Protein backbone atom coordinates (compact mmCIF):
# COMPACT_ATOMS: atom_id res chain seq x y z
CA UNK A 1 50.22 -17.18 -11.56
CA UNK A 2 50.49 -13.15 -11.30
CA UNK A 3 54.03 -11.18 -11.01
CA UNK A 4 53.44 -11.09 -6.81
CA UNK A 5 52.81 -14.82 -6.39
CA UNK A 6 55.51 -16.43 -4.45
CA UNK A 7 55.72 -20.42 -4.35
CA UNK A 8 58.42 -22.25 -2.59
CA UNK A 9 56.53 -25.55 -3.38
CA UNK A 10 55.95 -28.21 -5.96
CA UNK A 11 53.53 -30.89 -6.73
CA UNK A 12 54.61 -34.47 -6.49
CA UNK A 13 53.85 -37.65 -5.79
CA UNK A 14 52.72 -38.20 -1.87
CA UNK A 15 53.38 -41.56 0.10
CA UNK A 16 50.60 -40.43 2.28
CA UNK A 17 47.12 -41.31 0.97
CA UNK A 18 48.25 -41.90 -2.97
CA UNK A 19 48.26 -39.27 -5.49
CA UNK A 20 49.83 -36.25 -5.23
CA UNK A 21 50.84 -33.66 -2.66
CA UNK A 22 52.79 -30.38 -2.18
CA UNK A 23 56.42 -30.31 -1.21
CA UNK A 24 58.85 -28.05 0.06
CA UNK A 25 61.28 -26.82 -3.00
CA UNK A 26 63.83 -25.26 -0.30
CA UNK A 27 64.36 -25.48 3.46
CA UNK A 28 61.28 -23.65 5.05
CA UNK A 29 61.82 -22.24 8.25
CA UNK A 30 58.89 -22.11 11.23
CA UNK A 31 56.54 -19.02 10.64
CA UNK A 32 57.52 -18.58 6.67
CA UNK A 33 55.66 -17.92 3.66
CA UNK A 34 55.53 -20.78 1.56
CA UNK A 35 53.06 -19.95 -1.12
CA UNK A 36 51.10 -16.82 -2.28
CA UNK A 37 48.27 -16.32 -4.81
CA UNK A 38 47.07 -12.77 -5.19
CA UNK A 39 43.99 -14.34 -6.64
CA UNK A 40 42.96 -18.30 -6.34
CA UNK A 41 40.96 -19.63 -8.90
CA UNK A 42 37.71 -19.30 -7.11
CA UNK A 43 36.73 -17.16 -4.62
CA UNK A 44 33.04 -16.11 -3.79
CA UNK A 45 31.40 -15.22 -0.38
CA UNK A 46 28.51 -17.44 1.33
CA UNK A 47 25.19 -16.16 0.76
CA UNK A 48 24.77 -14.91 4.56
CA UNK A 49 27.98 -12.78 3.79
CA UNK A 50 26.84 -10.97 0.60
CA UNK A 51 25.64 -8.10 2.08
CA UNK A 52 28.73 -7.47 4.44
CA UNK A 53 31.60 -8.69 1.91
CA UNK A 54 33.42 -6.87 -0.75
CA UNK A 55 33.07 -9.79 -3.90
CA UNK A 56 36.26 -8.14 -5.36
CA UNK A 57 38.90 -7.76 -2.55
CA UNK A 58 36.85 -9.44 0.37
CA UNK A 59 37.19 -7.11 2.83
CA UNK A 60 34.50 -7.25 5.23
CA UNK A 61 31.93 -4.86 6.92
CA UNK A 62 30.17 -6.50 9.51
CA UNK A 63 27.03 -5.01 11.00
CA UNK A 64 27.64 -2.81 13.90
CA UNK A 65 26.04 -5.01 16.03
CA UNK A 66 28.17 -7.92 15.70
CA UNK A 67 30.58 -9.13 17.96
CA UNK A 68 33.33 -8.87 15.32
CA UNK A 69 32.61 -5.39 14.40
CA UNK A 70 34.89 -3.86 16.55
CA UNK A 71 37.63 -5.99 15.77
CA UNK A 72 37.23 -5.41 11.93
CA UNK A 73 36.96 -1.56 12.81
CA UNK A 74 39.96 -1.94 14.65
CA UNK A 75 41.76 -3.42 11.95
CA UNK A 76 40.48 -1.10 9.00
CA UNK A 77 41.09 2.13 11.15
CA UNK A 78 43.93 4.23 9.96
CA UNK A 79 43.86 2.94 6.57
CA UNK A 80 41.86 5.79 4.62
CA UNK A 81 41.74 3.11 1.37
CA UNK A 82 39.61 1.02 3.22
CA UNK A 83 36.18 1.33 3.05
CA UNK A 84 33.30 1.98 5.85
CA UNK A 85 30.09 0.86 3.66
CA UNK A 86 29.83 -1.47 0.47
CA UNK A 87 27.63 -0.48 -2.59
CA UNK A 88 25.14 -3.03 -4.25
CA UNK A 89 25.59 -3.76 -7.98
CA UNK A 90 22.60 -1.97 -9.89
CA UNK A 91 22.58 -4.68 -12.12
CA UNK A 92 22.04 -7.61 -10.44
CA UNK A 93 21.27 -6.47 -6.75
CA UNK A 94 23.25 -9.50 -5.10
CA UNK A 95 26.97 -8.71 -5.00
CA UNK A 96 28.27 -5.79 -3.29
CA UNK A 97 31.98 -3.94 -3.64
CA UNK A 98 33.66 -1.51 -2.01
CA UNK A 99 35.16 1.52 -3.74
CA UNK A 100 38.76 0.57 -3.02
CA UNK A 101 41.46 0.22 -5.72
CA UNK A 102 42.34 -3.04 -6.02
CA UNK A 103 46.34 -4.11 -6.36
CA UNK A 104 45.29 -6.90 -8.66
CA UNK A 105 45.05 -7.15 -12.02
CA UNK A 106 42.19 -7.89 -14.62
CA UNK A 107 42.26 -11.21 -16.39
CA UNK A 108 42.44 -10.96 -20.38
CA UNK A 109 41.38 -13.82 -22.11
CA UNK A 110 43.86 -17.01 -21.95
CA UNK A 111 45.33 -16.61 -25.03
CA UNK A 112 46.68 -13.40 -24.54
CA UNK A 113 48.14 -14.56 -21.06
CA UNK A 114 51.42 -15.89 -19.96
CA UNK A 115 51.69 -19.34 -18.57
CA UNK A 116 53.37 -19.95 -15.27
CA UNK A 117 52.97 -23.73 -13.65
CA UNK A 118 49.77 -24.11 -15.29
CA UNK A 119 48.28 -20.64 -14.31
CA UNK A 120 47.81 -18.20 -17.19
CA UNK A 121 47.58 -14.64 -16.40
CA UNK A 122 48.36 -10.92 -17.30
CA UNK A 123 48.18 -7.75 -15.46
CA UNK A 124 46.31 -5.02 -16.81
CA UNK A 125 44.97 -1.47 -15.01
CA UNK A 126 46.70 -2.73 -11.76
CA UNK A 127 44.49 0.17 -9.72
CA UNK A 128 41.10 -0.49 -10.75
CA UNK A 129 38.32 -0.28 -8.52
CA UNK A 130 36.76 -3.74 -6.92
CA UNK A 131 33.60 -3.17 -9.05
CA UNK A 132 35.30 -2.75 -12.16
CA UNK A 133 38.06 -5.24 -11.99
CA UNK A 134 35.43 -7.97 -10.73
CA UNK A 135 33.24 -7.06 -13.69
CA UNK A 136 36.15 -7.21 -16.20
CA UNK A 137 36.97 -11.01 -14.61
CA UNK A 138 33.92 -12.44 -14.24
CA UNK A 139 30.95 -10.61 -12.96
CA UNK A 140 29.98 -9.54 -16.49
CA UNK A 141 28.78 -12.97 -17.15
CA UNK A 142 26.71 -13.60 -14.36
CA UNK A 143 25.46 -10.39 -13.34
CA UNK A 144 22.41 -10.59 -16.19
CA UNK A 145 21.29 -13.96 -14.51
CA UNK A 146 21.59 -12.94 -10.87
CA UNK A 147 19.36 -10.13 -12.18
CA UNK A 148 16.75 -12.30 -13.80
CA UNK A 149 16.76 -14.62 -10.62
CA UNK A 150 16.40 -11.59 -7.88
CA UNK A 151 15.67 -11.84 -5.10
CA UNK A 152 16.43 -15.47 -5.24
CA UNK A 153 20.22 -15.93 -4.63
CA UNK A 154 21.97 -19.17 -5.83
CA UNK A 155 23.41 -21.22 -3.14
CA UNK A 156 27.15 -20.92 -2.85
CA UNK A 157 28.80 -23.97 -4.68
CA UNK A 158 25.98 -23.24 -7.50
CA UNK A 159 27.19 -19.80 -8.10
CA UNK A 160 30.95 -21.40 -8.11
CA UNK A 161 30.25 -23.95 -10.66
CA UNK A 162 28.14 -21.29 -12.87
CA UNK A 163 31.16 -19.14 -12.68
CA UNK A 164 33.66 -21.78 -13.53
CA UNK A 165 31.25 -22.99 -16.34
CA UNK A 166 30.93 -19.53 -17.82
CA UNK A 167 34.67 -18.65 -17.64
CA UNK A 168 35.54 -21.75 -19.58
CA UNK A 169 33.08 -20.81 -22.15
CA UNK A 170 34.03 -17.27 -22.47
CA UNK A 171 38.12 -18.43 -22.86
CA UNK A 172 39.17 -16.88 -19.45
CA UNK A 173 40.58 -20.01 -18.04
CA UNK A 174 43.22 -22.04 -20.32
CA UNK A 175 43.51 -25.45 -21.07
CA UNK A 176 45.87 -25.95 -18.47
CA UNK A 177 43.88 -24.17 -16.01
CA UNK A 178 40.94 -26.30 -16.95
CA UNK A 179 42.83 -29.54 -16.88
CA UNK A 180 44.51 -28.99 -13.29
CA UNK A 181 40.65 -28.41 -11.98
CA UNK A 182 39.32 -31.32 -13.64
CA UNK A 183 42.35 -33.70 -12.31
CA UNK A 184 40.92 -32.99 -8.72
CA UNK A 185 39.32 -35.46 -7.10
CA UNK A 186 35.30 -35.61 -6.93
CA UNK A 187 34.27 -38.61 -4.93
CA UNK A 188 31.01 -38.35 -7.06
CA UNK A 189 30.66 -42.28 -6.65
CA UNK A 190 31.13 -41.97 -2.73
CA UNK A 191 28.66 -39.07 -2.35
CA UNK A 192 26.24 -41.16 -4.47
CA UNK A 193 26.91 -44.32 -2.08
CA UNK A 194 26.36 -42.19 0.62
CA UNK A 195 22.90 -41.32 -0.58
CA UNK A 196 20.66 -39.31 1.25
CA UNK A 197 19.64 -35.87 1.39
CA UNK A 198 23.16 -34.61 0.79
CA UNK A 199 23.41 -36.61 -2.64
CA UNK A 200 19.78 -35.31 -3.65
CA UNK A 201 21.17 -31.69 -2.88
CA UNK A 202 24.03 -32.39 -5.02
CA UNK A 203 21.77 -34.09 -8.23
CA UNK A 204 19.49 -30.99 -7.73
CA UNK A 205 22.10 -28.00 -7.30
CA UNK A 206 24.18 -29.40 -10.10
CA UNK A 207 21.13 -29.74 -12.43
CA UNK A 208 20.53 -26.18 -11.66
CA UNK A 209 24.18 -25.08 -12.66
CA UNK A 210 24.08 -27.16 -15.78
CA UNK A 211 20.67 -25.30 -16.92
CA UNK A 212 21.64 -21.80 -15.99
CA UNK A 213 25.10 -22.13 -17.65
CA UNK A 214 23.58 -23.01 -20.78
CA UNK A 215 26.94 -25.09 -21.15
CA UNK A 216 27.30 -27.61 -23.78
CA UNK A 217 28.54 -29.98 -21.24
CA UNK A 218 26.38 -32.67 -19.94
CA UNK A 219 24.76 -32.87 -16.48
CA UNK A 220 26.87 -35.94 -15.46
CA UNK A 221 30.00 -33.59 -16.21
CA UNK A 222 28.48 -30.57 -14.33
CA UNK A 223 27.18 -33.06 -11.62
CA UNK A 224 31.28 -34.07 -11.30
CA UNK A 225 32.50 -30.51 -11.21
CA UNK A 226 29.97 -29.80 -8.38
CA UNK A 227 31.49 -32.25 -6.35
CA UNK A 228 34.84 -31.18 -7.04
CA UNK A 229 34.13 -28.00 -5.71
CA UNK A 230 32.61 -29.16 -2.49
CA UNK A 231 35.53 -31.68 -1.94
CA UNK A 232 38.64 -29.25 -2.84
CA UNK A 233 37.29 -26.12 -1.68
CA UNK A 234 38.66 -24.12 1.49
CA UNK A 235 37.16 -21.93 3.81
CA UNK A 236 37.43 -17.94 2.46
CA UNK A 237 38.17 -15.91 5.47
CA UNK A 238 39.36 -12.85 7.01
CA UNK A 239 42.84 -12.06 8.24
CA UNK A 240 41.08 -13.13 12.10
CA UNK A 241 39.70 -16.44 10.60
CA UNK A 242 36.02 -15.28 10.40
CA UNK A 243 34.25 -17.59 7.64
CA UNK A 244 33.16 -15.34 4.72
CA UNK A 245 32.41 -18.27 1.49
CA UNK A 246 34.69 -20.86 -0.36
CA UNK A 247 38.02 -20.55 -1.97
CA UNK A 248 39.24 -22.78 -4.39
CA UNK A 249 42.43 -23.25 -6.54
CA UNK A 250 44.13 -26.55 -7.96
CA UNK A 251 47.48 -25.80 -6.77
CA UNK A 252 46.23 -24.92 -2.81
CA UNK A 253 43.97 -28.29 -3.40
CA UNK A 254 46.88 -30.73 -4.06
CA UNK A 255 48.10 -30.00 -0.05
CA UNK A 256 47.06 -33.05 1.72
CA UNK A 257 45.59 -33.53 5.34
CA UNK A 258 47.29 -34.16 8.83
CA UNK A 259 46.03 -33.41 12.29
CA UNK A 260 49.60 -32.82 13.33
CA UNK A 261 49.89 -30.14 10.09
CA UNK A 262 53.05 -28.26 9.28
CA UNK A 263 51.23 -25.16 7.75
CA UNK A 264 48.42 -23.02 7.59
CA UNK A 265 46.40 -21.10 5.32
CA UNK A 266 45.68 -17.59 6.22
CA UNK A 267 43.88 -14.75 4.03
CA UNK A 268 44.90 -11.07 3.35
CA UNK A 269 41.73 -9.74 1.35
CA UNK A 270 41.77 -11.74 -1.62
CA UNK A 271 45.18 -12.94 -1.50
CA UNK A 272 46.01 -16.75 -0.24
CA UNK A 273 49.00 -17.42 1.96
CA UNK A 274 50.41 -20.97 3.07
CA UNK A 275 52.48 -20.36 6.18
CA UNK A 276 54.52 -22.91 7.83
CA UNK A 277 53.85 -23.77 11.39
CA UNK A 278 56.88 -25.95 11.92
CA UNK A 279 60.22 -26.19 9.94
CA UNK A 280 59.88 -28.32 6.98
CA UNK A 281 63.11 -29.59 5.18
CA UNK A 282 63.37 -29.60 1.54
CA UNK A 283 61.48 -31.79 -0.23
CA UNK A 284 59.22 -32.62 2.87
CA UNK A 285 55.71 -32.99 1.99
CA UNK A 286 53.72 -29.85 3.72
CA UNK A 287 50.21 -30.42 5.28
CA UNK A 288 47.35 -28.52 6.26
CA UNK A 289 44.21 -29.48 8.56
CA UNK A 290 41.01 -29.81 6.79
CA UNK A 291 38.92 -29.63 9.92
CA UNK A 292 39.30 -28.75 13.91
CA UNK A 293 42.52 -30.74 14.76
CA UNK A 294 41.85 -30.08 18.55
CA UNK A 295 38.73 -32.63 18.30
CA UNK A 296 39.05 -36.15 19.76
CA UNK A 297 40.61 -38.18 17.23
CA UNK A 298 37.14 -40.68 16.89
CA UNK A 299 35.37 -37.39 16.21
CA UNK A 300 38.00 -36.12 13.86
CA UNK A 301 37.95 -39.53 11.73
CA UNK A 302 34.33 -39.53 11.53
CA UNK A 303 34.34 -36.34 10.35
CA UNK A 304 37.10 -36.92 7.45
CA UNK A 305 35.37 -39.72 6.70
CA UNK A 306 31.83 -38.29 6.09
CA UNK A 307 33.14 -35.16 4.29
CA UNK A 308 36.10 -36.06 2.78
CA UNK A 309 36.13 -39.90 2.44
CA UNK A 310 39.16 -41.13 3.95
CA UNK A 311 40.70 -42.34 6.97
CA UNK A 312 43.62 -40.05 8.38
CA UNK A 313 46.55 -42.09 9.59
CA UNK A 314 48.65 -39.28 10.58
CA UNK A 315 51.46 -39.49 13.45
CA UNK A 316 48.57 -37.73 15.71
CA UNK A 317 46.02 -40.71 14.67
CA UNK A 318 48.37 -43.56 15.25
CA UNK A 319 49.62 -42.35 18.48
CA UNK A 320 48.30 -45.25 21.01
CA UNK A 321 49.21 -43.45 24.39
CA UNK A 322 47.60 -40.91 26.20
CA UNK A 323 47.30 -37.92 23.91
CA UNK A 324 45.71 -34.12 24.28
CA UNK A 325 42.58 -34.13 23.10
CA UNK A 326 41.34 -37.66 23.93
CA UNK A 327 42.56 -38.31 27.46
CA UNK A 328 41.01 -37.67 30.83
CA UNK A 329 42.13 -36.95 34.22
CA UNK A 330 42.14 -40.13 36.25
CA UNK A 331 39.71 -40.16 39.32
CA UNK A 332 42.33 -42.24 41.31
CA UNK A 333 46.08 -41.19 40.41
CA UNK A 334 45.05 -37.58 39.11
CA UNK A 335 47.19 -38.37 35.82
CA UNK A 336 45.64 -37.10 32.41
CA UNK A 337 46.01 -40.91 31.39
CA UNK A 338 42.59 -42.07 31.19
CA UNK A 339 41.65 -43.50 27.39
CA UNK A 340 38.29 -44.74 27.14
CA UNK A 341 37.28 -46.38 30.61
CA UNK A 342 40.92 -46.92 31.61
CA UNK A 343 43.88 -45.09 32.76
CA UNK A 344 47.31 -45.95 31.49
CA UNK A 345 48.91 -44.92 34.02
CA UNK A 346 47.73 -46.53 37.17
CA UNK A 347 45.69 -49.30 35.51
CA UNK A 348 42.35 -48.41 36.68
CA UNK A 349 39.55 -49.78 34.72
CA UNK A 350 35.36 -49.19 34.64
CA UNK A 351 35.99 -45.71 34.84
CA UNK A 352 32.96 -43.67 33.87
CA UNK A 353 32.20 -43.49 30.07
CA UNK A 354 32.00 -39.89 28.82
CA UNK A 355 31.37 -40.19 25.43
CA UNK A 356 27.40 -39.43 25.11
CA UNK A 357 27.72 -36.43 27.38
CA UNK A 358 30.72 -35.69 25.14
CA UNK A 359 28.57 -36.19 22.07
CA UNK A 360 25.71 -34.33 23.53
CA UNK A 361 27.73 -31.36 24.08
CA UNK A 362 28.76 -31.18 20.84
CA UNK A 363 25.56 -31.35 19.46
CA UNK A 364 24.34 -28.47 21.73
CA UNK A 365 27.69 -25.96 20.81
CA UNK A 366 26.57 -26.59 16.74
CA UNK A 367 23.17 -25.50 17.77
CA UNK A 368 24.30 -22.85 19.49
CA UNK A 369 26.56 -21.39 16.73
CA UNK A 370 23.45 -21.19 14.43
CA UNK A 371 21.33 -19.29 16.83
CA UNK A 372 21.17 -15.49 16.23
CA UNK A 373 20.52 -13.93 19.65
CA UNK A 374 23.59 -14.16 22.20
CA UNK A 375 21.21 -14.33 25.10
CA UNK A 376 19.78 -17.76 23.92
CA UNK A 377 23.30 -19.05 23.03
CA UNK A 378 24.39 -18.24 26.33
CA UNK A 379 22.36 -20.46 28.93
CA UNK A 380 22.83 -23.73 27.30
CA UNK A 381 26.86 -22.70 26.92
CA UNK A 382 26.95 -22.02 30.48
CA UNK A 383 25.08 -25.42 31.28
CA UNK A 384 27.64 -27.09 29.25
CA UNK A 385 30.36 -25.64 31.13
CA UNK A 386 28.90 -26.70 34.16
CA UNK A 387 28.52 -30.42 33.39
CA UNK A 388 32.05 -30.77 31.98
CA UNK A 389 33.36 -28.90 35.24
CA UNK A 390 31.28 -31.33 37.64
CA UNK A 391 33.13 -34.24 36.05
CA UNK A 392 36.18 -33.08 37.60
CA UNK A 393 38.22 -35.30 35.24
CA UNK A 394 37.69 -32.89 32.13
CA UNK A 395 41.12 -31.33 30.71
CA UNK A 396 40.63 -27.77 29.91
CA UNK A 397 41.94 -28.09 26.32
CA UNK A 398 40.14 -31.21 25.76
CA UNK A 399 37.05 -30.30 23.24
CA UNK A 400 34.37 -29.06 23.69
CA UNK A 401 35.49 -27.13 26.71
CA UNK A 402 37.97 -24.60 24.60
CA UNK A 403 34.83 -24.08 22.10
CA UNK A 404 32.75 -23.76 24.78
CA UNK A 405 34.90 -21.13 26.61
CA UNK A 406 35.39 -19.27 23.10
CA UNK A 407 31.76 -19.06 22.02
CA UNK A 408 31.31 -17.41 25.65
CA UNK A 409 33.72 -14.81 25.13
CA UNK A 410 32.17 -13.81 21.86
CA UNK A 411 28.88 -14.05 23.04
CA UNK A 412 29.25 -11.97 26.14
CA UNK A 413 31.65 -9.53 24.25
CA UNK A 414 28.36 -8.99 21.74
CA UNK A 415 26.19 -8.56 25.03
CA UNK A 416 28.64 -5.71 26.21
CA UNK A 417 29.20 -7.78 28.94
CA UNK A 418 33.11 -6.86 29.43
CA UNK A 419 33.75 -8.09 32.55
CA UNK A 420 32.39 -11.41 31.52
CA UNK A 421 34.09 -11.56 28.40
CA UNK A 422 37.53 -10.87 29.34
CA UNK A 423 37.49 -13.49 32.17
CA UNK A 424 37.09 -16.05 29.60
CA UNK A 425 39.33 -14.62 26.80
CA UNK A 426 41.90 -14.87 29.71
CA UNK A 427 41.36 -18.48 30.30
CA UNK A 428 41.76 -19.10 26.81
CA UNK A 429 44.88 -16.65 26.69
CA UNK A 430 46.84 -18.47 29.55
CA UNK A 431 45.25 -21.98 30.02
CA UNK A 432 44.31 -23.18 26.77
CA UNK A 433 46.23 -21.54 23.52
CA UNK A 434 49.87 -22.12 24.81
CA UNK A 435 49.03 -26.14 24.83
CA UNK A 436 46.84 -26.07 21.43
CA UNK A 437 49.08 -23.59 19.38
CA UNK A 438 53.00 -23.93 21.21
CA UNK A 439 54.07 -21.26 18.83
CA UNK A 440 53.32 -18.02 20.09
CA UNK A 441 53.26 -16.71 16.68
CA UNK A 442 50.39 -19.58 15.58
CA UNK A 443 47.71 -17.51 13.42
CA UNK A 444 45.16 -18.27 15.65
CA UNK A 445 46.77 -17.87 18.55
CA UNK A 446 47.60 -14.38 17.34
CA UNK A 447 43.84 -13.91 16.63
CA UNK A 448 42.71 -14.53 20.03
CA UNK A 449 45.28 -12.51 21.30
CA UNK A 450 44.16 -9.50 19.25
CA UNK A 451 40.66 -9.88 20.72
CA UNK A 452 42.19 -9.90 23.85
CA UNK A 453 44.01 -6.76 23.18
CA UNK A 454 41.13 -4.95 21.81
CA UNK A 455 38.81 -5.97 24.83
CA UNK A 456 41.53 -4.43 27.08
CA UNK A 457 42.14 -1.20 25.22
CA UNK A 458 38.10 -0.76 25.46
CA UNK A 459 38.12 -1.71 29.42
CA UNK A 460 40.77 1.04 29.52
CA UNK A 461 38.56 3.77 27.94
CA UNK A 462 35.67 2.68 30.24
CA UNK A 463 37.41 2.45 33.21
CA UNK A 464 38.68 5.97 32.60
CA UNK A 465 35.17 7.00 32.31
CA UNK A 466 34.48 5.48 35.32
CA UNK A 467 31.96 3.43 33.33
CA UNK A 468 29.75 1.19 35.82
CA UNK A 469 29.96 -1.88 33.16
CA UNK A 470 33.52 -2.55 34.45
CA UNK A 471 33.27 -1.86 38.24
CA UNK A 472 33.39 -5.38 39.52
CA UNK A 473 36.95 -5.38 37.82
CA UNK A 474 38.11 -2.30 40.24
CA UNK A 475 38.90 -5.26 42.99
CA UNK A 476 42.09 -6.23 40.71
CA UNK A 477 43.71 -3.07 40.53
CA UNK A 478 44.31 -3.52 36.84
CA UNK A 479 46.80 -1.04 35.42
CA UNK A 480 45.64 -0.93 32.05
CA UNK A 481 48.39 1.05 30.55
CA UNK A 482 51.06 -1.68 31.70
CA UNK A 483 48.60 -4.37 30.02
CA UNK A 484 48.21 -2.78 26.96
CA UNK A 485 51.91 -2.39 26.52
CA UNK A 486 52.59 -6.20 27.20
CA UNK A 487 49.94 -7.45 24.96
CA UNK A 488 50.75 -5.04 22.19
CA UNK A 489 54.53 -5.66 22.42
CA UNK A 490 53.93 -9.52 22.32
CA UNK A 491 51.80 -9.31 19.46
CA UNK A 492 53.91 -6.96 17.71
CA UNK A 493 56.95 -9.51 17.65
CA UNK A 494 54.47 -12.30 16.29
CA UNK A 495 52.70 -10.93 13.38
CA UNK A 496 55.36 -10.86 10.83
CA UNK A 497 55.56 -14.83 11.49
CA UNK A 498 51.78 -15.33 11.95
CA UNK A 499 50.43 -13.18 8.76
CA UNK A 500 53.56 -12.10 7.29
CA UNK A 501 55.24 -8.07 7.88
CA UNK A 502 53.80 -7.19 4.54
CA UNK A 503 49.76 -8.02 5.36
CA UNK A 504 47.21 -5.94 6.46
CA UNK A 505 46.95 -7.18 9.94
CA UNK A 506 50.88 -6.88 10.70
CA UNK A 507 50.99 -3.62 9.12
CA UNK A 508 47.77 -2.51 11.55
CA UNK A 509 49.43 -4.36 14.45
CA UNK A 510 52.68 -2.58 14.22
CA UNK A 511 50.78 0.97 13.40
CA UNK A 512 48.61 0.77 16.27
CA UNK A 513 51.80 -0.14 18.70
CA UNK A 514 53.78 2.82 17.36
CA UNK A 515 50.80 5.20 17.98
CA UNK A 516 50.73 4.12 21.77
CA UNK A 517 54.25 4.42 21.86
CA UNK A 518 54.35 8.16 20.46
CA UNK A 519 51.46 8.88 22.46
CA UNK A 520 52.84 8.00 25.87
CA UNK A 521 56.12 9.96 24.63
CA UNK A 522 54.21 13.14 23.59
CA UNK A 523 52.07 12.90 26.95
CA UNK A 524 55.39 12.69 28.81
CA UNK A 525 54.59 8.91 29.81
CA UNK A 526 57.75 7.03 29.66
CA UNK A 527 55.93 3.90 30.04
CA UNK A 528 57.37 2.31 27.25
CA UNK A 529 60.72 2.90 28.41
CA UNK A 530 60.15 2.22 32.05
CA UNK A 531 58.16 -0.41 32.35
CA UNK A 532 60.03 -3.85 33.74
CA UNK A 533 59.64 -7.39 33.87
CA UNK A 534 58.29 -7.13 37.34
CA UNK A 535 55.54 -4.68 36.59
CA UNK A 536 54.34 -7.11 33.78
CA UNK A 537 54.52 -10.11 36.12
CA UNK A 538 52.03 -8.28 38.28
CA UNK A 539 49.48 -7.19 36.41
CA UNK A 540 49.44 -11.09 34.82
CA UNK A 541 49.13 -12.34 38.01
CA UNK A 542 46.13 -9.98 38.30
CA UNK A 543 44.84 -11.28 35.02
CA UNK A 544 45.60 -14.72 35.83
CA UNK A 545 43.13 -14.37 38.91
CA UNK A 546 40.42 -13.13 36.52
CA UNK A 547 40.89 -16.26 34.41
CA UNK A 548 40.66 -18.38 37.19
CA UNK A 549 37.40 -17.24 38.30
CA UNK A 550 35.63 -17.78 34.84
């Protein structure tokens, strides 16, 4: 662990699934930092994001046409150290880097390091630029190979396996680090027994990693390592949960799954943070969710079994009565108590079975995520939304409805159809997030809040210039200044718990909030002092009308 790492937890035997888990070493309050790693053992961008991501600090510079572009620009504006472009490595022409200085240090050979909990690192040149630091740490071992293969780019797990093998060969991983990595479950026999294209792909890609690395380890060993990466990796993401690649660290991989987790992983550049979403007593086990825990139980269990080869026995999965995410409204008594085809409240039975429709809509949603043209995505999403609403029994918080609404908001944002995007974002803000994420500072809820705030800021600019794209919103008489103040005030109060007060995300939000306050005061606008709760309530009522119309 580096000098700036934080760890308020320890690995111990777990009663949950057998094996080990991560446990709190001290009492942990909700919204607190549990674990912080400056650099996980392995973190690499996916092939699709190599051109848009710094392979050193993992800052993301999306294409200007992407729906996420404005959010990332907003997060990096006002920070001169943040890059606006990336430069390709002239050696391999595969990875890219920004010219920002990294706060992380270079890793020296393992024998020179200081060991802390099986992680042996030392820090040198603490202000190296990303490319120089990445070169010192790992890229000099892989650059020549990448250049030889270019324009072909190796799949992400192959590059991950290759890097670990090369680092071990070059004495850049300690015996303790290597041992911790090899203790992770591989489930290679489960993959083999499942067979099919996935197992064929594992065999083919691990064979490639073995050949390219020129390792002395056998093919079977490399295949096991490859499987460990697949099973134990987390999604490398931005602070706003945009997926970038994969991340693996044995300490983090020790955390067990629950569909009702008490912690969540966030990223601040290359720094991985584990934050609590509820209080955890000293000695209590820490859980994260490996999947989208808002999905119905049957779907969660199926995904966990197919991807991770275990059945979840958490309290959420064991609950027998009506539960959010699984139940429907009863067409007879109106209660959200229908499980399967029976109402557990009034006893009505033989009700319509919607499982086939649900599966169809999930498949449509998955296909839509792979489409590149927003216009081709919106029509099937709207059709799916209409199907669910026509049932008249589908709760707004039951998937795939929340995901459909979120996708529609993003797609309309990409098409610059601001009013439509606003309606769906407000639907999420008022009707969905408070139920799916009861804590107002839950990182995912704060991320949705950020997108909404960004959109309202943009709408305020367009409205001030009488732009025709916002004309349909004029009927609501929105006071954008009051709304912006209210949204920023709310988000400003939540970011310390959601992302940590030292994170770039929190610093940016607080900086923008202060800019707004200063600008208002400089212009003689005392809104920040005089805005009343009644004024906020009035504007929130208007926004609820917009949400209800979507």
